[in-house]
Amino acid sequence: MKPILKWAGNKYKIVDRIKEVLPESRRLIEPFVGSGAVFLNTNYSEYILADINADLISFYKTLQKEGESFIDRCRELFKPENNREEAYYALRERFNLSEDAAEKSAIFLYLNRHGYNGLCRYNRKGQFNVPFGQYRNPYFPEKEMEHFLEKCQNSKVEFLVQDFRQTMMMAREGDAVYCDPPYVPLSPTANFTDYSPEGFGIREQEELARLAKYLKQNKITVIISNHDTEFTSREYGEARIIRFPVRRYISCDGENRNLVPELLAVFGG
């Protein structure tokens, strides 16, 4: 099942590769849940799904709590009259000013599907600042939202806003942990880490690898996705590394794509 949200680097197209190395266990922990592609396409009885992006987690929690009524509320924003530049910027401003969680969550989905290239980006003040996307007919992901609700009903699912360090330290022996952090850039000009205002740099990448090694020692399997670079090969030296090329979009028209080197680092298992 495809994710509800457009999301930079979402794992829908390689979820089968990830599932091949995920161990059987009772609980899956995702410190960087993002689009939720792995959650939506696996069958664990329990999940801890976390992210530092509070708007993302609020959207998931609102959908989980309000169900069909929230889907109806979101659908109202996908009217043709809202697919205009003026309407988009008015709703974006409303999103940045609102303190109502359900309202913000509905607009979050609207912005995700109407904004430029499905980006989720914030300025230094923490305000969502993605420009209008100019799509002819933005897709309303109703069936994807329905599937999400079904998953939440069939499993115990907890959504948390917190740093990856806190989330990883919640793991216990027998858990599986899948990490999809902002990727190490392939080039100096490709450093996209603005999915949250805090960013994610080399220090965080090193800390993630250190925690993966620590959990491995405590009989917890950790799997990390990232670009295949000299840096990640060095940091993940204690893991079993699976390398493969992935086709990535490098322009908003969806036609200009390149194969980029990617890896899965498996600590334990």
Protein backbone atom coordinates (compact mmCIF):
# COMPACT_ATOMS: atom_id res chain seq x y z
CA MET A 1 0.00 0.00 0.00
CA LYS A 2 1.31 3.44 -0.93
CA PRO A 3 1.79 6.02 1.83
CA ILE A 4 -0.72 8.80 2.46
CA LEU A 5 1.86 11.54 2.16
CA LYS A 6 4.40 12.51 -0.43
CA TRP A 7 7.72 12.38 1.39
CA ALA A 8 11.34 12.94 0.40
CA GLY A 9 13.02 9.53 0.05
CA ASN A 10 9.94 7.52 1.02
CA LYS A 11 10.62 3.79 1.04
CA TYR A 12 7.60 2.48 -0.85
CA LYS A 13 9.63 1.33 -3.87
CA ILE A 14 12.19 -0.60 -1.82
CA VAL A 15 9.95 -1.84 0.97
CA ASP A 16 10.35 -5.45 -0.24
CA ARG A 17 14.13 -5.18 0.16
CA ILE A 18 13.66 -3.84 3.68
CA LYS A 19 11.21 -6.59 4.60
CA GLU A 20 13.74 -9.23 3.49
CA VAL A 21 16.11 -8.17 6.28
CA LEU A 22 13.59 -7.22 8.97
CA PRO A 23 13.52 -9.95 11.63
CA GLU A 24 10.40 -11.59 12.97
CA SER A 25 9.50 -9.97 16.26
CA ARG A 26 6.58 -8.66 18.25
CA ARG A 27 7.39 -4.96 17.91
CA LEU A 28 8.85 -2.69 15.24
CA ILE A 29 10.29 0.69 16.26
CA GLU A 30 10.80 3.47 13.70
CA PRO A 31 12.63 6.55 15.00
CA PHE A 32 12.17 8.33 11.62
CA VAL A 33 8.71 7.20 10.53
CA GLY A 34 8.38 9.71 7.67
CA SER A 35 5.83 8.51 5.14
CA GLY A 36 5.20 5.31 7.14
CA ALA A 37 5.78 3.08 4.10
CA VAL A 38 7.41 0.33 6.18
CA PHE A 39 4.69 0.46 8.85
CA LEU A 40 1.97 0.26 6.20
CA ASN A 41 3.51 -2.77 4.51
CA THR A 42 4.56 -4.94 7.45
CA ASN A 43 2.62 -7.02 9.96
CA TYR A 44 4.00 -6.59 13.46
CA SER A 45 1.60 -6.77 16.38
CA GLU A 46 3.03 -3.58 17.94
CA TYR A 47 4.66 -0.43 16.59
CA ILE A 48 6.39 2.60 18.06
CA LEU A 49 6.45 5.23 15.31
CA ALA A 50 8.31 8.43 16.08
CA ASP A 51 9.62 11.52 14.35
CA ILE A 52 10.98 14.91 15.34
CA ASN A 53 8.48 16.58 12.99
CA ALA A 54 5.54 17.46 15.26
CA ASP A 55 3.20 18.30 12.36
CA LEU A 56 3.73 14.88 10.81
CA ILE A 57 3.03 13.00 14.05
CA SER A 58 0.04 15.21 14.83
CA PHE A 59 -1.42 14.31 11.42
CA TYR A 60 -1.05 10.58 12.09
CA LYS A 61 -2.45 10.84 15.62
CA THR A 62 -5.43 12.90 14.47
CA LEU A 63 -6.26 10.41 11.74
CA GLN A 64 -5.85 7.51 14.18
CA LYS A 65 -8.15 9.18 16.74
CA GLU A 66 -10.85 10.79 14.56
CA GLY A 67 -11.00 8.27 11.72
CA GLU A 68 -13.65 8.75 9.05
CA SER A 69 -14.72 12.19 10.27
CA PHE A 70 -11.15 13.44 9.78
CA ILE A 71 -11.02 11.93 6.28
CA ASP A 72 -14.21 13.87 5.45
CA ARG A 73 -12.68 17.07 6.83
CA CYS A 74 -9.56 16.63 4.71
CA ARG A 75 -11.60 15.91 1.58
CA GLU A 76 -13.28 19.32 1.86
CA LEU A 77 -9.92 21.02 1.32
CA PHE A 78 -9.36 19.24 -2.00
CA LYS A 79 -12.05 21.19 -3.84
CA PRO A 80 -11.04 22.69 -7.21
CA GLU A 81 -11.34 26.25 -5.88
CA ASN A 82 -8.54 25.48 -3.40
CA ASN A 83 -6.18 24.45 -6.19
CA ARG A 84 -5.20 28.07 -6.84
CA GLU A 85 -2.15 30.02 -5.76
CA GLU A 86 -4.12 32.51 -3.66
CA ALA A 87 -6.01 29.77 -1.83
CA TYR A 88 -2.82 27.81 -1.21
CA TYR A 89 -0.98 30.71 0.40
CA ALA A 90 -4.01 31.64 2.49
CA LEU A 91 -4.21 28.07 3.82
CA ARG A 92 -0.47 27.94 4.37
CA GLU A 93 -0.67 31.08 6.50
CA ARG A 94 -3.62 29.64 8.39
CA PHE A 95 -1.60 26.48 9.03
CA ASN A 96 1.34 28.45 10.42
CA LEU A 97 -0.91 30.51 12.72
CA SER A 98 -3.36 27.83 13.88
CA GLU A 99 -3.19 26.25 17.33
CA ASP A 100 -5.98 23.76 16.58
CA ALA A 101 -4.37 20.33 16.09
CA ALA A 102 -7.14 18.86 13.92
CA GLU A 103 -7.29 21.93 11.67
CA LYS A 104 -3.52 21.99 11.26
CA SER A 105 -3.46 18.27 10.49
CA ALA A 106 -6.07 18.59 7.75
CA ILE A 107 -4.22 21.52 6.20
CA PHE A 108 -0.95 19.59 6.51
CA LEU A 109 -2.32 16.95 4.13
CA TYR A 110 -3.61 19.67 1.77
CA LEU A 111 -0.19 21.39 1.74
CA ASN A 112 1.57 18.08 1.20
CA ARG A 113 -0.48 17.31 -1.90
CA HIS A 114 -0.69 20.85 -3.30
CA GLY A 115 2.81 22.13 -2.44
CA TYR A 116 5.85 22.11 -4.71
CA ASN A 117 7.19 18.60 -5.31
CA GLY A 118 5.63 17.22 -2.10
CA LEU A 119 8.29 18.91 0.02
CA CYS A 120 8.02 19.41 3.77
CA ARG A 121 10.25 22.35 4.62
CA TYR A 122 10.40 25.01 7.32
CA ASN A 123 12.14 28.35 7.76
CA ARG A 124 14.27 29.31 10.76
CA LYS A 125 11.15 30.38 12.65
CA GLY A 126 9.65 26.91 12.23
CA GLN A 127 7.08 28.07 9.65
CA PHE A 128 6.11 25.84 6.75
CA ASN A 129 7.39 27.64 3.64
CA VAL A 130 6.95 25.33 0.62
CA PRO A 131 5.61 27.23 -2.43
CA PHE A 132 2.52 26.34 -4.45
CA GLY A 133 2.98 23.28 -6.66
CA GLN A 134 0.69 24.07 -9.62
CA TYR A 135 -0.65 20.54 -10.03
CA ARG A 136 -3.55 20.07 -12.40
CA ASN A 137 -5.53 17.71 -10.17
CA PRO A 138 -3.99 16.96 -6.74
CA TYR A 139 -4.73 13.43 -5.58
CA PHE A 140 -6.79 12.91 -2.45
CA PRO A 141 -5.41 9.75 -0.77
CA GLU A 142 -8.66 8.37 0.62
CA LYS A 143 -7.93 4.67 0.14
CA GLU A 144 -4.48 5.15 1.68
CA MET A 145 -6.05 6.82 4.73
CA GLU A 146 -8.54 3.96 5.03
CA HIS A 147 -5.71 1.43 4.96
CA PHE A 148 -3.86 3.40 7.64
CA LEU A 149 -6.93 3.22 9.89
CA GLU A 150 -7.23 -0.51 9.31
CA LYS A 151 -3.57 -0.97 10.27
CA CYS A 152 -4.08 1.03 13.46
CA GLN A 153 -7.10 -1.11 14.37
CA ASN A 154 -5.27 -4.40 13.78
CA SER A 155 -2.07 -3.51 15.63
CA LYS A 156 -1.07 -1.60 18.75
CA VAL A 157 0.38 1.63 17.33
CA GLU A 158 1.96 4.45 19.33
CA PHE A 159 2.98 7.73 17.68
CA LEU A 160 5.57 9.90 19.41
CA VAL A 161 7.22 13.28 18.78
CA GLN A 162 10.76 12.83 19.97
CA ASP A 163 14.42 12.68 19.03
CA PHE A 164 15.74 9.46 17.47
CA ARG A 165 18.00 8.90 20.48
CA GLN A 166 15.04 8.72 22.86
CA THR A 167 13.16 6.41 20.53
CA MET A 168 16.04 3.98 20.03
CA MET A 169 16.61 3.75 23.77
CA MET A 170 13.02 2.50 24.14
CA ALA A 171 13.98 -0.73 22.35
CA ARG A 172 14.14 -3.96 24.32
CA GLU A 173 15.59 -7.38 23.55
CA GLY A 174 13.66 -8.96 20.69
CA ASP A 175 12.47 -5.69 19.15
CA ALA A 176 13.28 -4.70 15.58
CA VAL A 177 14.37 -1.12 14.82
CA TYR A 178 14.22 0.38 11.33
CA CYS A 179 15.91 3.76 10.81
CA ASP A 180 15.37 5.95 7.76
CA PRO A 181 17.28 9.13 8.68
CA PRO A 182 17.85 12.12 6.43
CA TYR A 183 20.51 10.78 4.11
CA VAL A 184 24.20 11.64 4.05
CA PRO A 185 24.53 13.88 0.97
CA LEU A 186 26.12 12.44 -2.17
CA SER A 187 27.56 15.86 -2.97
CA PRO A 188 28.09 19.16 -1.11
CA THR A 189 25.10 20.72 -2.93
CA ALA A 190 22.69 17.88 -2.12
CA ASN A 191 22.35 18.41 1.63
CA PHE A 192 18.57 18.29 2.19
CA THR A 193 17.86 18.04 5.93
CA ASP A 194 15.02 20.53 6.34
CA TYR A 195 12.19 18.08 7.02
CA SER A 196 12.29 19.58 10.51
CA PRO A 197 13.64 22.97 11.66
CA GLU A 198 16.46 21.28 13.61
CA GLY A 199 18.22 19.63 10.66
CA PHE A 200 20.34 16.47 10.78
CA GLY A 201 24.11 16.68 10.36
CA ILE A 202 27.23 14.54 10.54
CA ARG A 203 27.21 14.50 14.34
CA GLU A 204 23.70 13.00 14.32
CA GLN A 205 24.72 10.45 11.67
CA GLU A 206 27.62 9.33 13.86
CA GLU A 207 25.38 9.13 16.92
CA LEU A 208 22.86 7.01 15.01
CA ALA A 209 25.58 4.52 14.04
CA ARG A 210 26.86 4.42 17.64
CA LEU A 211 23.38 3.66 18.98
CA ALA A 212 22.86 0.93 16.37
CA LYS A 213 26.06 -0.76 17.57
CA TYR A 214 24.95 -0.41 21.20
CA LEU A 215 21.54 -1.98 20.53
CA LYS A 216 23.15 -4.81 18.56
CA GLN A 217 25.17 -5.67 21.67
CA ASN A 218 21.88 -5.86 23.56
CA LYS A 219 20.40 -8.38 21.09
CA ILE A 220 18.25 -5.82 19.26
CA THR A 221 18.34 -5.84 15.45
CA VAL A 222 18.76 -2.39 13.88
CA ILE A 223 18.47 -1.69 10.16
CA ILE A 224 19.51 1.66 8.69
CA SER A 225 18.84 3.00 5.20
CA ASN A 226 21.23 5.56 3.75
CA HIS A 227 23.25 6.57 0.72
CA ASP A 228 26.19 4.31 -0.02
CA THR A 229 29.15 6.62 0.60
CA GLU A 230 32.64 6.40 2.04
CA PHE A 231 31.29 7.92 5.25
CA THR A 232 28.40 5.43 5.71
CA SER A 233 30.61 2.47 4.76
CA ARG A 234 33.00 3.49 7.53
CA GLU A 235 30.35 4.27 10.16
CA TYR A 236 28.42 1.05 9.46
CA GLY A 237 31.57 -1.10 9.44
CA GLU A 238 30.18 -3.50 12.08
CA ALA A 239 26.98 -4.15 10.11
CA ARG A 240 26.13 -6.46 7.24
CA ILE A 241 25.76 -4.07 4.33
CA ILE A 242 23.47 -4.65 1.35
CA ARG A 243 24.14 -2.33 -1.60
CA PHE A 244 21.85 -1.54 -4.53
CA PRO A 245 21.00 1.33 -6.90
CA VAL A 246 17.76 3.27 -6.51
CA ARG A 247 16.17 5.52 -9.10
CA ARG A 248 15.52 8.94 -7.59
CA TYR A 249 13.66 11.96 -8.92
CA ILE A 250 15.95 14.95 -9.42
CA SER A 251 13.37 17.33 -10.88
CA CYS A 252 9.72 18.10 -10.21
CA ASP A 253 8.54 16.92 -13.66
CA GLY A 254 9.10 13.29 -12.64
CA GLU A 255 11.01 12.47 -15.83
CA ASN A 256 14.56 13.46 -14.95
CA ARG A 257 15.76 10.59 -12.74
CA ASN A 258 19.15 9.13 -11.88
CA LEU A 259 20.30 5.90 -10.29
CA VAL A 260 21.94 6.62 -6.94
CA PRO A 261 23.87 4.19 -4.70
CA GLU A 262 21.94 3.16 -1.60
CA LEU A 263 22.50 0.70 1.20
CA LEU A 264 20.85 -1.16 4.03
CA ALA A 265 23.05 -1.66 7.09
CA VAL A 266 21.91 -4.59 9.24
CA PHE A 267 23.19 -4.54 12.82
CA GLY A 268 22.44 -7.91 14.43
CA GLY A 269 19.81 -10.37 13.29
